[in-house]
């Protein structure tokens, strides 16, 4: 049931725009001073960088973002979300799942923070191992492209996906 302050509506607008790949609407949903905050409590990105990430990586990897356990409390919406795509499924051994907190101010999304769920430590260990091996393979075979692995724009996403598919061939992993 939507609240009087519209927090759930902003949350829904954000997810609907993401699923529709409507980046113009996403930009309107995010406040100008929007920040994303990682699981360590550090700022991960601002509005411009977050939109670049959503448009670039999500478009290239065709990320399926499933939302469950949505709870609204005043200007805050809590949820559990599962990101599924070729990148997350491989590196996180079946997808990435976090608890998200959305802060709504003035009918816009002011911040998103994600926190780990039980079992994340094992997934992080798998990620660290697999990504280290992938990065080393890229650095040895395609050193000029290694820097793409740490960027979040669309060009980097395209390069990372192409490298990942080559890596899968090299290790005989079927996709």
N, C-alpha and C. Protein backbone atom coordinates (compact mmCIF):
# COMPACT_ATOMS: atom_id res chain seq x y z
N UNK A 1 0.84 -1.18 0.00
CA UNK A 1 0.00 0.00 0.00
C UNK A 1 0.89 1.24 0.00
N UNK A 2 0.73 2.13 -0.97
CA UNK A 2 1.55 3.34 -1.02
C UNK A 2 1.29 4.23 0.18
N UNK A 3 2.35 4.91 0.61
CA UNK A 3 2.21 5.81 1.75
C UNK A 3 1.83 7.20 1.27
N UNK A 4 1.50 8.04 2.23
CA UNK A 4 1.17 9.42 1.90
C UNK A 4 2.37 10.20 1.40
N UNK A 5 3.59 9.81 1.83
CA UNK A 5 4.77 10.57 1.43
C UNK A 5 5.34 10.12 0.08
N UNK A 6 4.84 9.05 -0.50
CA UNK A 6 5.23 8.65 -1.84
C UNK A 6 6.54 7.90 -1.96
N UNK A 7 7.13 7.45 -0.86
CA UNK A 7 8.41 6.75 -0.93
C UNK A 7 8.32 5.49 -1.77
N UNK A 8 7.27 4.73 -1.58
CA UNK A 8 7.11 3.49 -2.34
C UNK A 8 6.91 3.80 -3.82
N UNK A 9 6.25 4.89 -4.14
CA UNK A 9 6.07 5.28 -5.54
C UNK A 9 7.42 5.60 -6.18
N UNK A 10 8.27 6.35 -5.49
CA UNK A 10 9.60 6.67 -6.02
C UNK A 10 10.41 5.40 -6.23
N UNK A 11 10.36 4.50 -5.25
CA UNK A 11 11.04 3.21 -5.34
C UNK A 11 10.55 2.43 -6.57
N UNK A 12 9.23 2.38 -6.75
CA UNK A 12 8.63 1.67 -7.88
C UNK A 12 8.99 2.35 -9.20
N UNK A 13 8.95 3.67 -9.23
CA UNK A 13 9.32 4.41 -10.44
C UNK A 13 10.77 4.10 -10.83
N UNK A 14 11.64 4.04 -9.85
CA UNK A 14 13.06 3.72 -10.10
C UNK A 14 13.18 2.34 -10.76
N UNK A 15 12.55 1.34 -10.16
CA UNK A 15 12.66 -0.02 -10.69
C UNK A 15 11.95 -0.18 -12.03
N UNK A 16 10.82 0.46 -12.19
CA UNK A 16 10.12 0.40 -13.48
C UNK A 16 10.96 1.03 -14.59
N UNK A 17 11.58 2.16 -14.30
CA UNK A 17 12.43 2.84 -15.29
C UNK A 17 13.65 1.99 -15.62
N UNK A 18 14.22 1.35 -14.60
CA UNK A 18 15.38 0.49 -14.84
C UNK A 18 15.00 -0.67 -15.75
N UNK A 19 13.91 -1.35 -15.43
CA UNK A 19 13.47 -2.49 -16.25
C UNK A 19 13.15 -2.07 -17.68
N UNK A 20 12.60 -0.87 -17.84
CA UNK A 20 12.25 -0.38 -19.17
C UNK A 20 13.46 0.24 -19.89
N UNK A 21 14.59 0.31 -19.17
CA UNK A 21 15.80 0.96 -19.71
C UNK A 21 15.49 2.40 -20.11
N UNK A 22 14.67 3.05 -19.29
CA UNK A 22 14.28 4.44 -19.51
C UNK A 22 15.21 5.32 -18.67
N UNK A 23 16.36 5.65 -19.23
CA UNK A 23 17.38 6.37 -18.49
C UNK A 23 17.04 7.84 -18.28
N UNK A 24 16.18 8.38 -19.11
CA UNK A 24 15.70 9.75 -18.91
C UNK A 24 14.85 9.79 -17.65
N UNK A 25 13.95 8.81 -17.49
CA UNK A 25 13.12 8.75 -16.29
C UNK A 25 13.98 8.46 -15.05
N UNK A 26 14.99 7.59 -15.20
CA UNK A 26 15.88 7.30 -14.07
C UNK A 26 16.56 8.57 -13.59
N UNK A 27 17.01 9.38 -14.53
CA UNK A 27 17.68 10.63 -14.17
C UNK A 27 16.75 11.55 -13.38
N UNK A 28 15.48 11.54 -13.74
CA UNK A 28 14.50 12.38 -13.04
C UNK A 28 14.19 11.84 -11.65
N UNK A 29 14.23 10.53 -11.49
CA UNK A 29 13.93 9.91 -10.20
C UNK A 29 15.05 10.18 -9.19
N UNK A 30 16.31 10.23 -9.69
CA UNK A 30 17.45 10.44 -8.79
C UNK A 30 17.60 11.94 -8.48
N UNK A 31 17.79 12.23 -7.21
CA UNK A 31 18.05 13.62 -6.79
C UNK A 31 19.40 14.07 -7.34
N UNK A 32 19.56 15.37 -7.51
CA UNK A 32 20.84 15.90 -8.02
C UNK A 32 22.01 15.55 -7.11
N UNK A 33 21.74 15.46 -5.80
CA UNK A 33 22.81 15.13 -4.85
C UNK A 33 22.81 13.64 -4.49
N UNK A 34 22.23 12.81 -5.36
CA UNK A 34 22.16 11.36 -5.14
C UNK A 34 23.55 10.77 -4.91
N UNK A 35 23.62 9.79 -4.00
CA UNK A 35 24.84 9.00 -3.80
C UNK A 35 24.45 7.55 -3.60
N UNK A 36 25.31 6.66 -4.07
CA UNK A 36 25.17 5.25 -3.71
C UNK A 36 26.27 4.94 -2.70
N UNK A 37 25.93 4.08 -1.74
CA UNK A 37 26.83 3.78 -0.63
C UNK A 37 27.03 2.28 -0.58
N UNK A 38 28.29 1.85 -0.59
CA UNK A 38 28.58 0.42 -0.64
C UNK A 38 28.41 -0.25 0.73
N UNK A 39 28.65 -1.55 0.74
CA UNK A 39 28.43 -2.34 1.96
C UNK A 39 29.39 -1.97 3.08
N UNK A 40 30.43 -1.19 2.78
CA UNK A 40 31.36 -0.73 3.82
C UNK A 40 31.03 0.68 4.30
N UNK A 41 29.91 1.23 3.82
CA UNK A 41 29.50 2.56 4.25
C UNK A 41 30.21 3.69 3.52
N UNK A 42 30.90 3.38 2.43
CA UNK A 42 31.63 4.40 1.67
C UNK A 42 30.86 4.76 0.41
N UNK A 43 30.97 6.03 0.01
CA UNK A 43 30.30 6.46 -1.21
C UNK A 43 30.89 5.73 -2.40
N UNK A 44 30.02 5.06 -3.15
CA UNK A 44 30.46 4.31 -4.32
C UNK A 44 30.33 5.15 -5.59
N UNK A 45 29.31 5.99 -5.65
CA UNK A 45 29.15 6.82 -6.85
C UNK A 45 28.18 7.97 -6.58
N UNK A 46 28.27 8.96 -7.46
CA UNK A 46 27.32 10.07 -7.44
C UNK A 46 26.27 9.82 -8.52
N UNK A 47 25.39 10.77 -8.74
CA UNK A 47 24.30 10.59 -9.71
C UNK A 47 24.83 10.28 -11.10
N UNK A 48 25.76 11.09 -11.59
CA UNK A 48 26.29 10.90 -12.94
C UNK A 48 26.92 9.52 -13.10
N UNK A 49 27.77 9.12 -12.16
CA UNK A 49 28.45 7.83 -12.25
C UNK A 49 27.47 6.65 -12.11
N UNK A 50 26.48 6.82 -11.24
CA UNK A 50 25.51 5.74 -11.05
C UNK A 50 24.66 5.54 -12.30
N UNK A 51 24.24 6.64 -12.92
CA UNK A 51 23.48 6.54 -14.16
C UNK A 51 24.33 5.92 -15.26
N UNK A 52 25.60 6.29 -15.32
CA UNK A 52 26.51 5.72 -16.31
C UNK A 52 26.63 4.21 -16.09
N UNK A 53 26.74 3.81 -14.84
CA UNK A 53 26.81 2.38 -14.51
C UNK A 53 25.53 1.67 -14.92
N UNK A 54 24.38 2.22 -14.52
CA UNK A 54 23.11 1.56 -14.85
C UNK A 54 22.93 1.45 -16.35
N UNK A 55 23.21 2.53 -17.05
CA UNK A 55 23.01 2.52 -18.50
C UNK A 55 24.04 1.64 -19.19
N UNK A 56 25.29 1.75 -18.77
CA UNK A 56 26.35 0.99 -19.42
C UNK A 56 26.33 -0.49 -19.10
N UNK A 57 26.57 -0.81 -17.86
CA UNK A 57 26.71 -2.21 -17.47
C UNK A 57 25.39 -2.97 -17.60
N UNK A 58 24.33 -2.40 -17.13
CA UNK A 58 23.05 -3.12 -17.15
C UNK A 58 22.57 -3.36 -18.58
N UNK A 59 22.80 -2.39 -19.46
CA UNK A 59 22.40 -2.55 -20.86
C UNK A 59 23.25 -3.63 -21.53
N UNK A 60 24.55 -3.56 -21.36
CA UNK A 60 25.47 -4.50 -22.02
C UNK A 60 25.29 -5.91 -21.47
N UNK A 61 25.15 -6.02 -20.17
CA UNK A 61 25.04 -7.35 -19.55
C UNK A 61 23.59 -7.81 -19.43
N UNK A 62 22.64 -6.95 -19.79
CA UNK A 62 21.22 -7.29 -19.73
C UNK A 62 20.85 -7.84 -18.35
N UNK A 63 21.18 -7.07 -17.34
CA UNK A 63 20.99 -7.49 -15.96
C UNK A 63 19.51 -7.65 -15.63
N UNK A 64 19.19 -8.76 -15.00
CA UNK A 64 17.85 -9.01 -14.48
C UNK A 64 17.90 -8.69 -13.00
N UNK A 65 17.16 -7.69 -12.58
CA UNK A 65 17.20 -7.19 -11.21
C UNK A 65 15.89 -7.55 -10.55
N UNK A 66 15.90 -8.59 -9.73
CA UNK A 66 14.69 -9.04 -9.05
C UNK A 66 14.62 -8.46 -7.64
N UNK A 67 13.42 -8.00 -7.29
CA UNK A 67 13.20 -7.33 -6.01
C UNK A 67 12.21 -8.14 -5.18
N UNK A 68 12.52 -8.28 -3.90
CA UNK A 68 11.60 -8.97 -2.99
C UNK A 68 11.67 -8.32 -1.61
N UNK A 69 10.80 -8.76 -0.74
CA UNK A 69 10.79 -8.34 0.66
C UNK A 69 10.82 -6.81 0.82
N UNK A 70 9.96 -6.13 0.09
CA UNK A 70 9.91 -4.66 0.13
C UNK A 70 9.14 -4.20 1.36
N UNK A 71 9.78 -3.30 2.11
CA UNK A 71 9.17 -2.72 3.31
C UNK A 71 9.40 -1.21 3.28
N UNK A 72 8.34 -0.46 3.50
CA UNK A 72 8.44 1.00 3.53
C UNK A 72 8.26 1.49 4.96
N UNK A 73 9.15 2.40 5.36
CA UNK A 73 9.03 3.06 6.66
C UNK A 73 9.36 4.53 6.45
N UNK A 74 8.34 5.35 6.49
CA UNK A 74 8.45 6.79 6.26
C UNK A 74 9.13 7.06 4.93
N UNK A 75 10.30 7.73 4.97
CA UNK A 75 11.01 8.09 3.74
C UNK A 75 12.07 7.07 3.35
N UNK A 76 11.92 5.85 3.81
CA UNK A 76 12.91 4.81 3.55
C UNK A 76 12.19 3.56 3.05
N UNK A 77 12.78 2.93 2.05
CA UNK A 77 12.27 1.66 1.53
C UNK A 77 13.40 0.64 1.62
N UNK A 78 13.09 -0.52 2.18
CA UNK A 78 14.05 -1.61 2.31
C UNK A 78 13.64 -2.72 1.36
N UNK A 79 14.62 -3.42 0.80
CA UNK A 79 14.32 -4.54 -0.08
C UNK A 79 15.49 -5.50 -0.13
N UNK A 80 15.22 -6.69 -0.65
CA UNK A 80 16.26 -7.66 -0.99
C UNK A 80 16.25 -7.74 -2.50
N UNK A 81 17.44 -7.67 -3.10
CA UNK A 81 17.51 -7.65 -4.56
C UNK A 81 18.58 -8.60 -5.06
N UNK A 82 18.25 -9.24 -6.15
CA UNK A 82 19.13 -10.24 -6.76
C UNK A 82 19.44 -9.79 -8.18
N UNK A 83 20.72 -9.54 -8.46
CA UNK A 83 21.16 -9.14 -9.79
C UNK A 83 21.70 -10.36 -10.51
N UNK A 84 21.14 -10.63 -11.66
CA UNK A 84 21.52 -11.83 -12.40
C UNK A 84 21.91 -11.44 -13.83
N UNK A 85 23.11 -11.80 -14.22
CA UNK A 85 23.60 -11.64 -15.58
C UNK A 85 24.87 -12.48 -15.71
N UNK A 86 25.47 -12.50 -16.89
CA UNK A 86 26.63 -13.35 -17.12
C UNK A 86 27.78 -13.00 -16.17
N UNK A 87 27.96 -11.72 -15.86
CA UNK A 87 29.03 -11.28 -14.96
C UNK A 87 28.76 -11.74 -13.53
N UNK A 88 27.61 -11.33 -13.00
CA UNK A 88 27.28 -11.67 -11.61
C UNK A 88 27.11 -13.17 -11.40
N UNK A 89 26.51 -13.85 -12.37
CA UNK A 89 26.30 -15.29 -12.21
C UNK A 89 27.61 -16.04 -12.13
N UNK A 90 28.60 -15.64 -12.92
CA UNK A 90 29.89 -16.32 -12.87
C UNK A 90 30.68 -15.91 -11.63
N UNK A 91 30.89 -14.61 -11.48
CA UNK A 91 31.78 -14.17 -10.41
C UNK A 91 31.20 -14.37 -9.01
N UNK A 92 29.89 -14.29 -8.88
CA UNK A 92 29.27 -14.48 -7.56
C UNK A 92 28.59 -15.83 -7.44
N UNK A 93 28.92 -16.74 -8.34
CA UNK A 93 28.45 -18.12 -8.25
C UNK A 93 26.93 -18.20 -8.13
N UNK A 94 26.25 -17.61 -9.11
CA UNK A 94 24.79 -17.71 -9.13
C UNK A 94 24.08 -16.38 -8.99
N UNK A 95 24.80 -15.29 -8.98
CA UNK A 95 24.18 -13.98 -8.91
C UNK A 95 24.55 -13.24 -7.65
N UNK A 96 24.25 -11.98 -7.65
CA UNK A 96 24.59 -11.10 -6.56
C UNK A 96 23.32 -10.74 -5.81
N UNK A 97 23.34 -10.90 -4.50
CA UNK A 97 22.14 -10.60 -3.70
C UNK A 97 22.53 -9.73 -2.52
N UNK A 98 21.80 -8.62 -2.37
CA UNK A 98 22.06 -7.68 -1.29
C UNK A 98 20.75 -7.20 -0.67
N UNK A 99 20.88 -6.66 0.51
CA UNK A 99 19.80 -5.94 1.16
C UNK A 99 20.01 -4.47 0.80
N UNK A 100 19.01 -3.82 0.24
CA UNK A 100 19.11 -2.42 -0.19
C UNK A 100 18.27 -1.53 0.71
N UNK A 101 18.78 -0.32 0.93
CA UNK A 101 18.05 0.73 1.63
C UNK A 101 17.98 1.93 0.72
N UNK A 102 16.77 2.39 0.44
CA UNK A 102 16.52 3.54 -0.43
C UNK A 102 16.03 4.68 0.44
N UNK A 103 16.69 5.83 0.35
CA UNK A 103 16.28 7.02 1.09
C UNK A 103 15.64 7.99 0.10
N UNK A 104 14.42 8.39 0.39
CA UNK A 104 13.65 9.28 -0.48
C UNK A 104 13.55 10.64 0.20
N UNK A 105 13.87 11.70 -0.55
CA UNK A 105 13.72 13.07 -0.05
C UNK A 105 13.11 13.91 -1.17
N UNK A 106 12.12 14.70 -0.83
CA UNK A 106 11.48 15.59 -1.80
C UNK A 106 11.03 14.84 -3.06
N UNK A 107 10.46 13.67 -2.85
CA UNK A 107 9.91 12.84 -3.93
C UNK A 107 10.94 12.43 -4.98
N UNK A 108 12.21 12.31 -4.52
CA UNK A 108 13.28 11.80 -5.38
C UNK A 108 14.13 10.84 -4.56
N UNK A 109 14.83 9.97 -5.27
CA UNK A 109 15.73 9.02 -4.62
C UNK A 109 17.03 9.75 -4.27
N UNK A 110 17.29 9.86 -2.98
CA UNK A 110 18.45 10.59 -2.49
C UNK A 110 19.68 9.70 -2.35
N UNK A 111 19.46 8.45 -1.91
CA UNK A 111 20.59 7.53 -1.79
C UNK A 111 20.13 6.08 -1.79
N UNK A 112 21.05 5.24 -2.20
CA UNK A 112 20.87 3.80 -2.14
C UNK A 112 22.09 3.24 -1.40
N UNK A 113 21.83 2.40 -0.42
CA UNK A 113 22.92 1.72 0.26
C UNK A 113 22.65 0.22 0.21
N UNK A 114 23.68 -0.55 -0.04
CA UNK A 114 23.51 -1.99 -0.05
C UNK A 114 24.35 -2.61 1.05
N UNK A 115 23.81 -3.69 1.62
CA UNK A 115 24.46 -4.44 2.69
C UNK A 115 24.41 -5.91 2.36
N UNK A 116 25.35 -6.62 2.89
CA UNK A 116 25.44 -8.05 2.60
C UNK A 116 24.37 -8.84 3.33
N UNK A 117 24.10 -10.00 2.78
CA UNK A 117 23.15 -10.94 3.38
C UNK A 117 23.92 -12.15 3.89
N UNK A 118 23.30 -12.97 4.74
CA UNK A 118 23.98 -14.19 5.18
C UNK A 118 24.44 -15.01 3.97
N UNK A 119 25.63 -15.55 4.08
CA UNK A 119 26.20 -16.34 2.98
C UNK A 119 27.03 -15.52 2.03
N UNK A 120 27.05 -14.19 2.22
CA UNK A 120 27.80 -13.32 1.31
C UNK A 120 29.30 -13.57 1.39
N UNK A 121 29.81 -13.86 2.58
CA UNK A 121 31.26 -14.05 2.73
C UNK A 121 31.75 -15.13 1.78
N UNK A 122 30.98 -16.22 1.64
CA UNK A 122 31.38 -17.28 0.72
C UNK A 122 31.35 -16.78 -0.72
N UNK A 123 30.32 -16.02 -1.08
CA UNK A 123 30.25 -15.47 -2.44
C UNK A 123 31.39 -14.50 -2.69
N UNK A 124 31.76 -13.71 -1.69
CA UNK A 124 32.86 -12.77 -1.86
C UNK A 124 34.18 -13.52 -2.05
N UNK A 125 34.35 -14.64 -1.36
CA UNK A 125 35.55 -15.45 -1.55
C UNK A 125 35.60 -16.00 -2.96
N UNK A 126 34.46 -16.50 -3.45
CA UNK A 126 34.39 -17.00 -4.83
C UNK A 126 34.70 -15.86 -5.81
N UNK A 127 34.08 -14.69 -5.58
CA UNK A 127 34.34 -13.53 -6.44
C UNK A 127 35.82 -13.19 -6.47
N UNK A 128 36.43 -13.06 -5.29
CA UNK A 128 37.85 -12.69 -5.23
C UNK A 128 38.72 -13.67 -6.00
N UNK A 129 38.47 -14.95 -5.82
CA UNK A 129 39.25 -15.97 -6.51
C UNK A 129 39.04 -15.90 -8.03
N UNK A 130 37.80 -15.88 -8.46
CA UNK A 130 37.50 -15.88 -9.90
C UNK A 130 37.93 -14.58 -10.58
N UNK A 131 37.69 -13.45 -9.91
CA UNK A 131 38.05 -12.18 -10.55
C UNK A 131 39.56 -12.03 -10.62
N UNK A 132 40.28 -12.48 -9.60
CA UNK A 132 41.74 -12.42 -9.64
C UNK A 132 42.28 -13.24 -10.81
N UNK A 133 41.76 -14.43 -11.00
CA UNK A 133 42.20 -15.28 -12.12
C UNK A 133 41.85 -14.64 -13.46
N UNK A 134 40.66 -14.08 -13.55
CA UNK A 134 40.23 -13.40 -14.78
C UNK A 134 41.12 -12.19 -15.05
N UNK A 135 41.35 -11.38 -14.04
CA UNK A 135 42.18 -10.19 -14.21
C UNK A 135 43.59 -10.57 -14.65
N UNK A 136 44.16 -11.59 -14.03
CA UNK A 136 45.50 -12.05 -14.42
C UNK A 136 45.51 -12.52 -15.87
N UNK A 137 44.49 -13.26 -16.27
CA UNK A 137 44.39 -13.74 -17.65
C UNK A 137 44.31 -12.56 -18.62
N UNK A 138 43.49 -11.58 -18.29
CA UNK A 138 43.38 -10.39 -19.14
C UNK A 138 44.72 -9.66 -19.18
N UNK A 139 45.35 -9.45 -18.04
CA UNK A 139 46.60 -8.72 -17.97
C UNK A 139 47.70 -9.40 -18.80
N UNK A 140 47.71 -10.72 -18.79
CA UNK A 140 48.71 -11.47 -19.58
C UNK A 140 48.37 -11.46 -21.07
N UNK A 141 47.11 -11.67 -21.40
CA UNK A 141 46.70 -11.82 -22.81
C UNK A 141 46.30 -10.52 -23.50
N UNK A 142 45.75 -9.58 -22.75
CA UNK A 142 45.27 -8.31 -23.30
C UNK A 142 45.62 -7.17 -22.36
N UNK A 143 46.91 -6.93 -22.11
CA UNK A 143 47.30 -5.94 -21.09
C UNK A 143 46.73 -4.55 -21.32
N UNK A 144 46.57 -4.15 -22.55
CA UNK A 144 46.05 -2.80 -22.84
C UNK A 144 44.58 -2.67 -22.44
N UNK A 145 43.90 -3.79 -22.22
CA UNK A 145 42.48 -3.74 -21.88
C UNK A 145 42.19 -3.98 -20.40
N UNK A 146 43.21 -4.22 -19.62
CA UNK A 146 43.01 -4.53 -18.20
C UNK A 146 42.31 -3.39 -17.45
N UNK A 147 42.57 -2.16 -17.85
CA UNK A 147 41.97 -1.02 -17.14
C UNK A 147 40.45 -0.98 -17.29
N UNK A 148 39.92 -1.60 -18.34
CA UNK A 148 38.46 -1.63 -18.51
C UNK A 148 37.76 -2.37 -17.37
N UNK A 149 38.46 -3.28 -16.73
CA UNK A 149 37.84 -4.10 -15.69
C UNK A 149 37.50 -3.33 -14.43
N UNK A 150 38.03 -2.14 -14.28
CA UNK A 150 37.77 -1.36 -13.08
C UNK A 150 36.90 -0.14 -13.35
N UNK A 151 36.40 0.00 -14.56
CA UNK A 151 35.56 1.14 -14.93
C UNK A 151 34.10 0.69 -15.01
N UNK A 152 33.18 1.65 -14.99
CA UNK A 152 31.76 1.29 -14.98
C UNK A 152 30.95 1.94 -16.09
N UNK A 153 31.59 2.44 -17.12
CA UNK A 153 30.86 3.05 -18.23
C UNK A 153 30.52 2.00 -19.28
N UNK A 154 29.75 2.38 -20.28
CA UNK A 154 29.27 1.43 -21.29
C UNK A 154 30.41 0.81 -22.11
N UNK A 155 31.38 1.64 -22.51
CA UNK A 155 32.51 1.10 -23.28
C UNK A 155 33.26 0.04 -22.47
N UNK A 156 33.50 0.31 -21.20
CA UNK A 156 34.18 -0.66 -20.33
C UNK A 156 33.35 -1.92 -20.17
N UNK A 157 32.05 -1.76 -20.06
CA UNK A 157 31.17 -2.93 -19.95
C UNK A 157 31.28 -3.79 -21.20
N UNK A 158 31.26 -3.16 -22.37
CA UNK A 158 31.38 -3.92 -23.62
C UNK A 158 32.71 -4.67 -23.69
N UNK A 159 33.78 -3.98 -23.34
CA UNK A 159 35.11 -4.61 -23.36
C UNK A 159 35.19 -5.74 -22.33
N UNK A 160 34.66 -5.50 -21.15
CA UNK A 160 34.69 -6.52 -20.10
C UNK A 160 33.90 -7.76 -20.53
N UNK A 161 32.73 -7.54 -21.11
CA UNK A 161 31.92 -8.68 -21.55
C UNK A 161 32.63 -9.47 -22.65
N UNK A 162 33.24 -8.76 -23.61
CA UNK A 162 33.97 -9.45 -24.68
C UNK A 162 35.14 -10.25 -24.11
N UNK A 163 35.85 -9.65 -23.16
CA UNK A 163 36.98 -10.35 -22.52
C UNK A 163 36.48 -11.55 -21.72
N UNK A 164 35.36 -11.38 -21.04
CA UNK A 164 34.80 -12.47 -20.25
C UNK A 164 34.42 -13.65 -21.13
N UNK A 165 33.81 -13.36 -22.28
CA UNK A 165 33.44 -14.45 -23.19
C UNK A 165 34.68 -15.15 -23.75
N UNK A 166 35.74 -14.41 -24.04
CA UNK A 166 37.01 -15.02 -24.47
C UNK A 166 37.61 -15.86 -23.35
N UNK A 167 37.51 -15.35 -22.12
CA UNK A 167 38.01 -16.07 -20.97
C UNK A 167 37.26 -17.39 -20.78
N UNK A 168 35.95 -17.35 -20.92
CA UNK A 168 35.16 -18.56 -20.80
C UNK A 168 35.62 -19.61 -21.82
N UNK A 169 35.92 -19.17 -23.03
CA UNK A 169 36.43 -20.09 -24.05
C UNK A 169 37.78 -20.66 -23.60
N UNK A 170 38.63 -19.81 -23.07
CA UNK A 170 39.97 -20.24 -22.66
C UNK A 170 39.92 -21.26 -21.54
N UNK A 171 38.95 -21.15 -20.66
CA UNK A 171 38.85 -22.10 -19.55
C UNK A 171 37.81 -23.19 -19.81
N UNK A 172 37.32 -23.20 -21.04
CA UNK A 172 36.32 -24.19 -21.46
C UNK A 172 35.05 -24.18 -20.62
N UNK A 173 34.57 -22.98 -20.31
CA UNK A 173 33.33 -22.83 -19.57
C UNK A 173 32.21 -22.53 -20.55
N UNK A 174 31.16 -23.29 -20.48
CA UNK A 174 30.02 -23.07 -21.36
C UNK A 174 29.12 -22.00 -20.75
N UNK A 175 28.63 -21.10 -21.63
CA UNK A 175 27.76 -20.03 -21.12
C UNK A 175 26.32 -20.31 -21.47
